[in-house]
Amino acid sequence: YLGIEGVALTISTACSSSAKVFAAAARQMALGVIDAAVVGGVDSLCLTTLYGFASLQLTSAQPARPYDAARDGISIGEAAAFALLERAGAQPGSGLYLLGTGESSDAHHMSAPHPEGLGARLAMEAALRSAGLQPQDIDYVNLHGTATPANDAAEGLAMAALFGRRVPCSSTKGATGHTLGAAGAVEAALCALALTKGWIP
């Protein structure tokens, strides 16, 4: 439909899928394989997924409340989000810049985070290195924030270890639900809006 040629691939890494596409596209651009990329993610409601999360006792009967002291689980959402990535300078003065990316795999557990947020911390440290930035250069972090007790606690510890109490952060899953494979792209779009409009969700 878009008349795009060249590399076409799908990344499937659960709820990090449509965040990892930004890193994959950036690598291909850095290698000179592509000049631009349409990246994004889609996930639709599916009973198999709902039953799976329910069997793990991770779903909530109400909208998600990320980081709330009384949070009790995720709400599944459905979404699609896409972005156009181009080389810096392709359209001078327009858009936002992807300065760096970070990925990790602590292999702690198939569905539970490392209790101290090791994987999240390693990914954030890698993103900072990739961008040539220090923790004090960061003004806002969009958290994964699933509203499960384990995820939010682990992610909070990772944030505290890296940024202390200085950096404002939030999760938008209270408004969108956990959109699973689309979450990274949805949250990148929300971050782009926050950066361009000057507000924190």
N, C-alpha and C. Protein backbone atom coordinates (compact mmCIF):
# COMPACT_ATOMS: atom_id res chain seq x y z
N TYR A 1 0.82 -1.20 0.00
CA TYR A 1 0.00 0.00 0.00
C TYR A 1 0.87 1.26 0.00
N LEU A 2 1.96 1.25 0.79
CA LEU A 2 2.82 2.43 0.87
C LEU A 2 3.91 2.45 -0.20
N GLY A 3 4.02 1.37 -0.97
CA GLY A 3 5.05 1.32 -2.00
C GLY A 3 6.46 1.19 -1.44
N ILE A 4 6.56 0.63 -0.25
CA ILE A 4 7.87 0.50 0.41
C ILE A 4 8.62 -0.69 -0.19
N GLU A 5 9.92 -0.52 -0.35
CA GLU A 5 10.76 -1.61 -0.85
C GLU A 5 11.86 -1.87 0.17
N GLY A 6 12.46 -3.04 0.07
CA GLY A 6 13.60 -3.34 0.94
C GLY A 6 13.23 -4.26 2.08
N VAL A 7 13.96 -4.10 3.16
CA VAL A 7 13.84 -4.98 4.32
C VAL A 7 12.42 -4.94 4.88
N ALA A 8 11.86 -6.12 5.15
CA ALA A 8 10.58 -6.23 5.84
C ALA A 8 10.72 -7.35 6.86
N LEU A 9 10.47 -7.05 8.10
CA LEU A 9 10.60 -8.10 9.12
C LEU A 9 9.64 -7.87 10.26
N THR A 10 9.40 -8.93 11.00
CA THR A 10 8.54 -8.89 12.17
C THR A 10 9.37 -9.27 13.39
N ILE A 11 9.23 -8.51 14.45
CA ILE A 11 9.90 -8.82 15.71
C ILE A 11 8.83 -9.23 16.71
N SER A 12 9.01 -10.37 17.33
CA SER A 12 8.04 -10.86 18.29
C SER A 12 8.74 -11.19 19.60
N THR A 13 8.73 -10.24 20.51
CA THR A 13 9.34 -10.42 21.83
C THR A 13 8.36 -9.96 22.90
N ALA A 14 7.13 -10.46 22.80
CA ALA A 14 6.07 -10.11 23.75
C ALA A 14 5.87 -8.60 23.78
N CYS A 15 5.78 -8.01 24.98
CA CYS A 15 5.41 -6.60 25.06
C CYS A 15 6.55 -5.65 24.76
N SER A 16 7.75 -6.15 24.47
CA SER A 16 8.82 -5.26 24.03
C SER A 16 8.91 -5.21 22.50
N SER A 17 8.06 -5.97 21.81
CA SER A 17 8.15 -6.10 20.35
C SER A 17 8.21 -4.76 19.63
N SER A 18 7.24 -3.90 19.86
CA SER A 18 7.17 -2.67 19.07
C SER A 18 8.03 -1.56 19.66
N ALA A 19 8.77 -1.84 20.73
CA ALA A 19 9.84 -0.94 21.15
C ALA A 19 11.13 -1.35 20.46
N LYS A 20 11.36 -2.66 20.34
CA LYS A 20 12.57 -3.17 19.72
C LYS A 20 12.66 -2.83 18.23
N VAL A 21 11.51 -2.57 17.59
CA VAL A 21 11.55 -2.25 16.16
C VAL A 21 12.30 -0.95 15.90
N PHE A 22 12.25 -0.02 16.85
CA PHE A 22 12.99 1.24 16.70
C PHE A 22 14.49 0.97 16.69
N ALA A 23 14.95 0.10 17.58
CA ALA A 23 16.37 -0.24 17.64
C ALA A 23 16.80 -1.00 16.38
N ALA A 24 15.96 -1.92 15.93
CA ALA A 24 16.30 -2.70 14.73
C ALA A 24 16.42 -1.78 13.51
N ALA A 25 15.48 -0.85 13.37
CA ALA A 25 15.52 0.08 12.24
C ALA A 25 16.73 1.00 12.33
N ALA A 26 17.03 1.48 13.53
CA ALA A 26 18.19 2.36 13.72
C ALA A 26 19.48 1.64 13.33
N ARG A 27 19.60 0.36 13.68
CA ARG A 27 20.79 -0.41 13.31
C ARG A 27 20.90 -0.54 11.79
N GLN A 28 19.78 -0.82 11.14
CA GLN A 28 19.80 -0.97 9.67
C GLN A 28 20.17 0.35 8.99
N MET A 29 19.71 1.47 9.54
CA MET A 29 20.08 2.77 8.99
C MET A 29 21.55 3.05 9.21
N ALA A 30 22.06 2.73 10.41
CA ALA A 30 23.47 2.95 10.72
C ALA A 30 24.37 2.12 9.80
N LEU A 31 23.91 0.94 9.41
CA LEU A 31 24.67 0.07 8.50
C LEU A 31 24.55 0.51 7.04
N GLY A 32 23.65 1.43 6.76
CA GLY A 32 23.46 1.89 5.39
C GLY A 32 22.58 0.98 4.55
N VAL A 33 21.90 0.04 5.19
CA VAL A 33 21.03 -0.90 4.47
C VAL A 33 19.75 -0.21 4.02
N ILE A 34 19.24 0.71 4.86
CA ILE A 34 17.99 1.41 4.54
C ILE A 34 18.18 2.91 4.79
N ASP A 35 17.33 3.70 4.17
CA ASP A 35 17.36 5.15 4.36
C ASP A 35 16.27 5.60 5.33
N ALA A 36 15.20 4.85 5.43
CA ALA A 36 14.08 5.19 6.30
C ALA A 36 13.32 3.89 6.59
N ALA A 37 12.48 3.95 7.61
CA ALA A 37 11.70 2.77 7.96
C ALA A 37 10.37 3.17 8.57
N VAL A 38 9.33 2.43 8.24
CA VAL A 38 8.06 2.52 8.95
C VAL A 38 8.11 1.43 10.01
N VAL A 39 8.00 1.84 11.26
CA VAL A 39 8.05 0.88 12.38
C VAL A 39 6.78 1.00 13.19
N GLY A 40 6.47 -0.03 13.93
CA GLY A 40 5.29 0.03 14.78
C GLY A 40 4.87 -1.31 15.29
N GLY A 41 3.66 -1.35 15.81
CA GLY A 41 3.15 -2.59 16.36
C GLY A 41 1.64 -2.58 16.42
N VAL A 42 1.10 -3.78 16.42
CA VAL A 42 -0.35 -3.99 16.47
C VAL A 42 -0.61 -5.17 17.39
N ASP A 43 -1.62 -5.07 18.21
CA ASP A 43 -2.07 -6.24 18.96
C ASP A 43 -3.57 -6.11 19.19
N SER A 44 -4.27 -7.20 18.96
CA SER A 44 -5.73 -7.20 19.12
C SER A 44 -6.12 -8.08 20.29
N LEU A 45 -7.29 -7.80 20.83
CA LEU A 45 -7.79 -8.60 21.94
C LEU A 45 -7.96 -10.05 21.51
N CYS A 46 -7.56 -10.94 22.38
CA CYS A 46 -7.57 -12.37 22.06
C CYS A 46 -7.86 -13.14 23.34
N LEU A 47 -8.81 -14.04 23.29
CA LEU A 47 -9.17 -14.79 24.49
C LEU A 47 -8.01 -15.62 25.01
N THR A 48 -7.18 -16.15 24.12
CA THR A 48 -6.03 -16.94 24.57
C THR A 48 -5.12 -16.10 25.46
N THR A 49 -4.87 -14.87 25.04
CA THR A 49 -4.02 -13.97 25.84
C THR A 49 -4.70 -13.62 27.15
N LEU A 50 -5.98 -13.28 27.09
CA LEU A 50 -6.71 -12.94 28.31
C LEU A 50 -6.69 -14.10 29.30
N TYR A 51 -6.98 -15.31 28.81
CA TYR A 51 -6.97 -16.48 29.69
C TYR A 51 -5.56 -16.74 30.23
N GLY A 52 -4.55 -16.51 29.40
CA GLY A 52 -3.17 -16.73 29.84
C GLY A 52 -2.80 -15.81 31.00
N PHE A 53 -3.08 -14.52 30.85
CA PHE A 53 -2.77 -13.59 31.94
C PHE A 53 -3.63 -13.87 33.17
N ALA A 54 -4.89 -14.27 32.95
CA ALA A 54 -5.76 -14.60 34.08
C ALA A 54 -5.22 -15.82 34.83
N SER A 55 -4.70 -16.81 34.09
CA SER A 55 -4.17 -18.00 34.74
C SER A 55 -2.93 -17.69 35.58
N LEU A 56 -2.23 -16.62 35.21
CA LEU A 56 -1.07 -16.18 36.00
C LEU A 56 -1.49 -15.27 37.14
N GLN A 57 -2.79 -15.03 37.28
CA GLN A 57 -3.37 -14.16 38.31
C GLN A 57 -2.82 -12.73 38.21
N LEU A 58 -2.71 -12.24 36.96
CA LEU A 58 -2.15 -10.92 36.72
C LEU A 58 -3.18 -9.89 36.27
N THR A 59 -4.41 -10.32 36.00
CA THR A 59 -5.41 -9.38 35.50
C THR A 59 -6.17 -8.71 36.64
N SER A 60 -6.63 -7.50 36.36
CA SER A 60 -7.42 -6.75 37.33
C SER A 60 -8.86 -6.66 36.84
N ALA A 61 -9.78 -6.55 37.77
CA ALA A 61 -11.19 -6.40 37.41
C ALA A 61 -11.53 -4.95 37.11
N GLN A 62 -10.58 -4.05 37.27
CA GLN A 62 -10.80 -2.63 37.03
C GLN A 62 -9.69 -2.08 36.14
N PRO A 63 -9.78 -0.84 35.70
CA PRO A 63 -8.69 -0.27 34.89
C PRO A 63 -7.37 -0.32 35.65
N ALA A 64 -6.29 -0.50 34.90
CA ALA A 64 -4.97 -0.59 35.51
C ALA A 64 -4.63 0.68 36.28
N ARG A 65 -3.91 0.53 37.37
CA ARG A 65 -3.47 1.66 38.19
C ARG A 65 -1.97 1.55 38.41
N PRO A 66 -1.17 1.83 37.38
CA PRO A 66 0.28 1.68 37.52
C PRO A 66 0.83 2.46 38.71
N TYR A 67 1.64 1.80 39.49
CA TYR A 67 2.36 2.37 40.62
C TYR A 67 1.47 2.78 41.79
N ASP A 68 0.20 2.54 41.71
CA ASP A 68 -0.69 2.78 42.85
C ASP A 68 -0.35 1.76 43.94
N ALA A 69 -0.38 2.20 45.18
CA ALA A 69 -0.06 1.28 46.28
C ALA A 69 -1.01 0.09 46.31
N ALA A 70 -2.26 0.27 45.84
CA ALA A 70 -3.24 -0.81 45.84
C ALA A 70 -3.41 -1.44 44.45
N ARG A 71 -2.43 -1.27 43.56
CA ARG A 71 -2.53 -1.86 42.21
C ARG A 71 -2.71 -3.37 42.32
N ASP A 72 -3.47 -3.93 41.40
CA ASP A 72 -3.72 -5.37 41.50
C ASP A 72 -3.67 -6.09 40.16
N GLY A 73 -3.08 -5.47 39.15
CA GLY A 73 -2.91 -6.21 37.91
C GLY A 73 -3.18 -5.40 36.66
N ILE A 74 -3.02 -6.09 35.53
CA ILE A 74 -3.13 -5.43 34.23
C ILE A 74 -4.56 -5.44 33.71
N SER A 75 -4.81 -4.50 32.84
CA SER A 75 -6.01 -4.48 32.01
C SER A 75 -5.49 -4.60 30.59
N ILE A 76 -6.02 -5.53 29.82
CA ILE A 76 -5.55 -5.72 28.45
C ILE A 76 -6.21 -4.68 27.54
N GLY A 77 -5.41 -4.06 26.70
CA GLY A 77 -5.89 -3.09 25.73
C GLY A 77 -5.62 -3.60 24.32
N GLU A 78 -6.10 -2.85 23.37
CA GLU A 78 -5.96 -3.22 21.95
C GLU A 78 -5.54 -1.95 21.22
N ALA A 79 -4.49 -2.04 20.39
CA ALA A 79 -4.00 -0.81 19.75
C ALA A 79 -3.14 -1.12 18.55
N ALA A 80 -2.87 -0.05 17.81
CA ALA A 80 -1.88 -0.06 16.73
C ALA A 80 -1.24 1.31 16.72
N ALA A 81 0.06 1.36 16.49
CA ALA A 81 0.77 2.64 16.39
C ALA A 81 1.97 2.45 15.47
N PHE A 82 2.24 3.47 14.66
CA PHE A 82 3.34 3.41 13.70
C PHE A 82 4.08 4.73 13.66
N ALA A 83 5.33 4.69 13.25
CA ALA A 83 6.15 5.89 13.13
C ALA A 83 7.04 5.76 11.90
N LEU A 84 7.42 6.90 11.37
CA LEU A 84 8.39 6.95 10.27
C LEU A 84 9.73 7.37 10.85
N LEU A 85 10.74 6.53 10.67
CA LEU A 85 12.10 6.87 11.08
C LEU A 85 12.90 7.21 9.84
N GLU A 86 13.57 8.35 9.88
CA GLU A 86 14.43 8.78 8.79
C GLU A 86 15.79 9.13 9.35
N ARG A 87 16.77 9.23 8.47
CA ARG A 87 18.09 9.68 8.91
C ARG A 87 18.00 11.11 9.43
N ALA A 88 18.83 11.42 10.42
CA ALA A 88 18.87 12.79 10.95
C ALA A 88 19.20 13.74 9.80
N GLY A 89 18.46 14.84 9.73
CA GLY A 89 18.70 15.82 8.68
C GLY A 89 17.91 15.58 7.41
N ALA A 90 17.16 14.47 7.35
CA ALA A 90 16.37 14.20 6.15
C ALA A 90 15.32 15.29 5.94
N GLN A 91 14.75 15.75 7.02
CA GLN A 91 13.78 16.86 7.01
C GLN A 91 14.23 17.84 8.09
N PRO A 92 15.18 18.73 7.79
CA PRO A 92 15.74 19.61 8.83
C PRO A 92 14.66 20.37 9.61
N GLY A 93 14.84 20.39 10.93
CA GLY A 93 13.94 21.15 11.79
C GLY A 93 12.62 20.50 12.10
N SER A 94 12.40 19.28 11.63
CA SER A 94 11.11 18.65 11.91
C SER A 94 11.32 17.34 12.66
N GLY A 95 10.34 16.98 13.43
CA GLY A 95 10.36 15.69 14.11
C GLY A 95 11.23 15.67 15.35
N LEU A 96 11.35 14.48 15.92
CA LEU A 96 12.16 14.23 17.10
C LEU A 96 13.32 13.34 16.70
N TYR A 97 14.33 13.27 17.55
CA TYR A 97 15.51 12.47 17.26
C TYR A 97 15.58 11.25 18.17
N LEU A 98 15.84 10.10 17.58
CA LEU A 98 16.10 8.89 18.34
C LEU A 98 17.61 8.86 18.57
N LEU A 99 18.04 9.28 19.76
CA LEU A 99 19.46 9.43 20.04
C LEU A 99 20.14 8.11 20.37
N GLY A 100 19.40 7.17 20.93
CA GLY A 100 20.00 5.91 21.30
C GLY A 100 18.94 4.89 21.68
N THR A 101 19.36 3.66 21.75
CA THR A 101 18.46 2.57 22.15
C THR A 101 19.20 1.64 23.11
N GLY A 102 18.44 0.89 23.87
CA GLY A 102 19.04 -0.08 24.77
C GLY A 102 18.16 -1.30 24.89
N GLU A 103 18.78 -2.45 24.84
CA GLU A 103 18.05 -3.72 24.94
C GLU A 103 18.79 -4.63 25.91
N SER A 104 18.06 -5.52 26.56
CA SER A 104 18.70 -6.49 27.45
C SER A 104 17.83 -7.73 27.52
N SER A 105 18.42 -8.76 28.07
CA SER A 105 17.67 -9.99 28.34
C SER A 105 18.31 -10.65 29.55
N ASP A 106 17.74 -10.38 30.73
CA ASP A 106 18.35 -10.95 31.93
C ASP A 106 18.00 -12.43 32.10
N ALA A 107 17.03 -12.93 31.31
CA ALA A 107 16.65 -14.34 31.35
C ALA A 107 16.28 -14.80 32.75
N HIS A 108 15.72 -13.90 33.54
CA HIS A 108 15.36 -14.25 34.92
C HIS A 108 14.21 -15.25 34.98
N HIS A 109 13.13 -14.95 34.24
CA HIS A 109 11.93 -15.79 34.30
C HIS A 109 11.11 -15.48 33.06
N MET A 110 10.32 -16.45 32.60
CA MET A 110 9.55 -16.27 31.38
C MET A 110 8.52 -15.15 31.48
N SER A 111 7.88 -14.97 32.64
CA SER A 111 6.83 -13.97 32.73
C SER A 111 6.98 -13.02 33.92
N ALA A 112 8.00 -13.19 34.72
CA ALA A 112 8.20 -12.32 35.89
C ALA A 112 9.51 -11.56 35.75
N PRO A 113 9.52 -10.28 36.13
CA PRO A 113 10.77 -9.52 36.03
C PRO A 113 11.74 -9.90 37.13
N HIS A 114 13.02 -9.62 36.91
CA HIS A 114 14.01 -9.76 37.97
C HIS A 114 13.55 -8.88 39.14
N PRO A 115 13.57 -9.37 40.37
CA PRO A 115 13.00 -8.61 41.49
C PRO A 115 13.64 -7.23 41.70
N GLU A 116 14.86 -7.04 41.24
CA GLU A 116 15.52 -5.74 41.37
C GLU A 116 15.50 -4.96 40.06
N GLY A 117 14.76 -5.45 39.07
CA GLY A 117 14.65 -4.75 37.81
C GLY A 117 15.94 -4.75 36.99
N LEU A 118 16.72 -5.82 37.11
CA LEU A 118 18.03 -5.87 36.44
C LEU A 118 17.91 -5.67 34.93
N GLY A 119 16.97 -6.36 34.29
CA GLY A 119 16.82 -6.23 32.84
C GLY A 119 16.48 -4.82 32.42
N ALA A 120 15.56 -4.18 33.14
CA ALA A 120 15.18 -2.80 32.83
C ALA A 120 16.35 -1.86 33.03
N ARG A 121 17.09 -2.05 34.12
CA ARG A 121 18.23 -1.17 34.38
C ARG A 121 19.31 -1.33 33.30
N LEU A 122 19.60 -2.58 32.91
CA LEU A 122 20.60 -2.81 31.87
C LEU A 122 20.18 -2.16 30.55
N ALA A 123 18.90 -2.25 30.21
CA ALA A 123 18.41 -1.64 28.97
C ALA A 123 18.53 -0.12 29.03
N MET A 124 18.17 0.48 30.17
CA MET A 124 18.26 1.94 30.29
C MET A 124 19.72 2.40 30.26
N GLU A 125 20.62 1.65 30.91
CA GLU A 125 22.04 2.00 30.87
C GLU A 125 22.58 1.91 29.45
N ALA A 126 22.16 0.88 28.71
CA ALA A 126 22.60 0.73 27.32
C ALA A 126 22.08 1.87 26.45
N ALA A 127 20.83 2.29 26.69
CA ALA A 127 20.27 3.41 25.93
C ALA A 127 21.05 4.70 26.19
N LEU A 128 21.40 4.94 27.44
CA LEU A 128 22.19 6.13 27.77
C LEU A 128 23.56 6.08 27.09
N ARG A 129 24.24 4.93 27.15
CA ARG A 129 25.54 4.80 26.48
C ARG A 129 25.41 5.03 24.99
N SER A 130 24.39 4.42 24.39
CA SER A 130 24.17 4.54 22.95
C SER A 130 23.94 6.00 22.55
N ALA A 131 23.27 6.75 23.40
CA ALA A 131 22.96 8.15 23.10
C ALA A 131 24.07 9.11 23.53
N GLY A 132 25.06 8.60 24.28
CA GLY A 132 26.11 9.47 24.79
C GLY A 132 25.60 10.42 25.87
N LEU A 133 24.64 9.95 26.66
CA LEU A 133 24.03 10.78 27.70
C LEU A 133 24.31 10.20 29.08
N GLN A 134 24.14 11.04 30.09
CA GLN A 134 24.25 10.63 31.48
C GLN A 134 22.85 10.66 32.12
N PRO A 135 22.65 9.95 33.22
CA PRO A 135 21.34 9.97 33.86
C PRO A 135 20.81 11.38 34.16
N GLN A 136 21.72 12.30 34.51
CA GLN A 136 21.28 13.67 34.83
C GLN A 136 20.80 14.45 33.61
N ASP A 137 21.03 13.91 32.40
CA ASP A 137 20.55 14.56 31.17
C ASP A 137 19.08 14.25 30.89
N ILE A 138 18.50 13.32 31.61
CA ILE A 138 17.14 12.84 31.32
C ILE A 138 16.11 13.63 32.13
N ASP A 139 15.06 14.07 31.45
CA ASP A 139 14.03 14.89 32.10
C ASP A 139 12.72 14.13 32.35
N TYR A 140 12.53 12.99 31.69
CA TYR A 140 11.29 12.23 31.86
C TYR A 140 11.52 10.80 31.37
N VAL A 141 10.92 9.83 32.04
CA VAL A 141 10.96 8.44 31.61
C VAL A 141 9.54 7.90 31.55
N ASN A 142 9.18 7.33 30.40
CA ASN A 142 7.90 6.63 30.27
C ASN A 142 8.13 5.20 30.72
N LEU A 143 7.48 4.80 31.78
CA LEU A 143 7.68 3.48 32.36
C LEU A 143 6.81 2.42 31.68
N HIS A 144 7.26 1.18 31.74
CA HIS A 144 6.44 0.08 31.25
C HIS A 144 5.17 0.01 32.09
N GLY A 145 5.31 0.06 33.40
CA GLY A 145 4.20 0.26 34.33
C GLY A 145 2.96 -0.57 34.07
N THR A 146 3.07 -1.88 34.21
CA THR A 146 1.94 -2.76 33.89
C THR A 146 0.85 -2.74 34.96
N ALA A 147 1.16 -2.24 36.13
CA ALA A 147 0.27 -2.23 37.30
C ALA A 147 0.21 -3.57 38.02
N THR A 148 1.10 -4.48 37.69
CA THR A 148 1.22 -5.69 38.51
C THR A 148 2.16 -5.37 39.67
N PRO A 149 1.94 -5.96 40.82
CA PRO A 149 2.82 -5.67 41.96
C PRO A 149 4.30 -5.92 41.64
N ALA A 150 4.61 -7.05 40.99
CA ALA A 150 6.01 -7.40 40.74
C ALA A 150 6.66 -6.47 39.71
N ASN A 151 5.99 -6.20 38.58
CA ASN A 151 6.60 -5.37 37.55
C ASN A 151 6.87 -3.96 38.06
N ASP A 152 5.88 -3.33 38.66
CA ASP A 152 6.05 -1.94 39.07
C ASP A 152 7.12 -1.83 40.15
N ALA A 153 7.17 -2.79 41.07
CA ALA A 153 8.18 -2.76 42.13
C ALA A 153 9.58 -2.91 41.53
N ALA A 154 9.75 -3.87 40.62
CA ALA A 154 11.06 -4.09 40.00
C ALA A 154 11.49 -2.90 39.17
N GLU A 155 10.56 -2.36 38.40
CA GLU A 155 10.88 -1.21 37.55
C GLU A 155 11.20 0.02 38.41
N GLY A 156 10.48 0.18 39.49
CA GLY A 156 10.76 1.28 40.41
C GLY A 156 12.16 1.19 41.00
N LEU A 157 12.58 -0.02 41.37
CA LEU A 157 13.93 -0.21 41.90
C LEU A 157 14.99 0.09 40.83
N ALA A 158 14.73 -0.30 39.59
CA ALA A 158 15.67 -0.01 38.50
C ALA A 158 15.79 1.50 38.29
N MET A 159 14.65 2.20 38.30
CA MET A 159 14.66 3.65 38.14
C MET A 159 15.43 4.31 39.28
N ALA A 160 15.16 3.88 40.51
CA ALA A 160 15.82 4.48 41.67
C ALA A 160 17.33 4.24 41.62
N ALA A 161 17.75 3.05 41.19
CA ALA A 161 19.17 2.73 41.12
C ALA A 161 19.89 3.60 40.09
N LEU A 162 19.22 3.92 39.01
CA LEU A 162 19.86 4.66 37.92
C LEU A 162 19.65 6.17 38.02
N PHE A 163 18.46 6.59 38.39
CA PHE A 163 18.13 8.02 38.36
C PHE A 163 17.89 8.63 39.74
N GLY A 164 17.86 7.82 40.78
CA GLY A 164 17.54 8.36 42.09
C GLY A 164 16.09 8.83 42.12
N ARG A 165 15.85 9.95 42.79
CA ARG A 165 14.48 10.47 42.92
C ARG A 165 14.26 11.70 42.05
N ARG A 166 15.21 11.98 41.14
CA ARG A 166 15.23 13.24 40.42
C ARG A 166 14.35 13.28 39.18
N VAL A 167 14.15 12.16 38.51
CA VAL A 167 13.51 12.16 37.19
C VAL A 167 12.02 11.84 37.29
N PRO A 168 11.16 12.73 36.80
CA PRO A 168 9.73 12.40 36.77
C PRO A 168 9.47 11.25 35.81
N CYS A 169 8.52 10.42 36.16
CA CYS A 169 8.20 9.27 35.32
C CYS A 169 6.73 8.92 35.51
N SER A 170 6.18 8.22 34.53
CA SER A 170 4.79 7.78 34.63
C SER A 170 4.55 6.65 33.65
N SER A 171 3.45 5.97 33.82
CA SER A 171 3.00 4.94 32.89
C SER A 171 1.63 5.34 32.37
N THR A 172 1.42 5.16 31.08
CA THR A 172 0.14 5.54 30.49
C THR A 172 -0.84 4.37 30.39
N LYS A 173 -0.48 3.22 30.94
CA LYS A 173 -1.36 2.06 30.81
C LYS A 173 -2.67 2.20 31.58
N GLY A 174 -2.76 3.15 32.49
CA GLY A 174 -4.03 3.43 33.13
C GLY A 174 -5.05 3.97 32.14
N ALA A 175 -4.56 4.61 31.08
CA ALA A 175 -5.44 5.17 30.05
C ALA A 175 -5.64 4.22 28.88
N THR A 176 -4.62 3.44 28.55
CA THR A 176 -4.68 2.60 27.34
C THR A 176 -4.89 1.13 27.64
N GLY A 177 -4.63 0.70 28.87
CA GLY A 177 -4.50 -0.72 29.14
C GLY A 177 -3.15 -1.19 28.62
N HIS A 178 -2.83 -2.44 28.88
CA HIS A 178 -1.58 -3.00 28.38
C HIS A 178 -1.86 -3.52 26.97
N THR A 179 -1.31 -2.84 25.98
CA THR A 179 -1.59 -3.18 24.59
C THR A 179 -0.60 -4.21 24.04
N LEU A 180 0.11 -4.88 24.93
CA LEU A 180 0.97 -6.02 24.62
C LEU A 180 1.96 -5.69 23.51
N GLY A 181 1.90 -6.37 22.36
CA GLY A 181 2.87 -6.15 21.30
C GLY A 181 2.86 -4.75 20.72
N ALA A 182 1.80 -4.00 20.93
CA ALA A 182 1.72 -2.62 20.45
C ALA A 182 2.19 -1.61 21.49
N ALA A 183 2.47 -2.06 22.71
CA ALA A 183 2.75 -1.14 23.81
C ALA A 183 3.94 -0.23 23.54
N GLY A 184 5.03 -0.75 23.03
CA GLY A 184 6.22 0.07 22.80
C GLY A 184 5.96 1.19 21.82
N ALA A 185 5.28 0.89 20.72
CA ALA A 185 4.99 1.92 19.72
C ALA A 185 3.96 2.92 20.23
N VAL A 186 2.94 2.44 20.95
CA VAL A 186 1.95 3.35 21.53
C VAL A 186 2.64 4.31 22.49
N GLU A 187 3.50 3.78 23.34
CA GLU A 187 4.15 4.62 24.34
C GLU A 187 5.19 5.53 23.72
N ALA A 188 5.82 5.11 22.63
CA ALA A 188 6.73 6.01 21.90
C ALA A 188 5.95 7.18 21.33
N ALA A 189 4.76 6.91 20.80
CA ALA A 189 3.92 7.99 20.26
C ALA A 189 3.49 8.93 21.37
N LEU A 190 3.11 8.38 22.53
CA LEU A 190 2.72 9.23 23.65
C LEU A 190 3.90 10.06 24.16
N CYS A 191 5.10 9.46 24.18
CA CYS A 191 6.30 10.20 24.57
C CYS A 191 6.59 11.32 23.58
N ALA A 192 6.41 11.04 22.28
CA ALA A 192 6.62 12.06 21.26
C ALA A 192 5.67 13.23 21.48
N LEU A 193 4.42 12.93 21.80
CA LEU A 193 3.46 14.00 22.10
C LEU A 193 3.88 14.78 23.34
N ALA A 194 4.33 14.07 24.36
CA ALA A 194 4.76 14.74 25.60
C ALA A 194 5.94 15.66 25.32
N LEU A 195 6.89 15.21 24.52
CA LEU A 195 8.07 16.02 24.22
C LEU A 195 7.72 17.25 23.38
N THR A 196 6.86 17.07 22.39
CA THR A 196 6.54 18.19 21.52
C THR A 196 5.55 19.16 22.16
N LYS A 197 4.69 18.66 23.03
CA LYS A 197 3.68 19.53 23.67
C LYS A 197 4.15 20.07 25.02
N GLY A 198 5.21 19.47 25.56
CA GLY A 198 5.74 19.97 26.82
C GLY A 198 4.95 19.60 28.05
N TRP A 199 4.30 18.43 28.02
CA TRP A 199 3.59 17.96 29.21
C TRP A 199 3.97 16.53 29.54
N ILE A 200 3.75 16.16 30.78
CA ILE A 200 4.04 14.80 31.24
C ILE A 200 2.73 14.08 31.47
N PRO A 201 2.54 12.92 30.83
CA PRO A 201 1.28 12.18 31.04
C PRO A 201 1.11 11.80 32.51
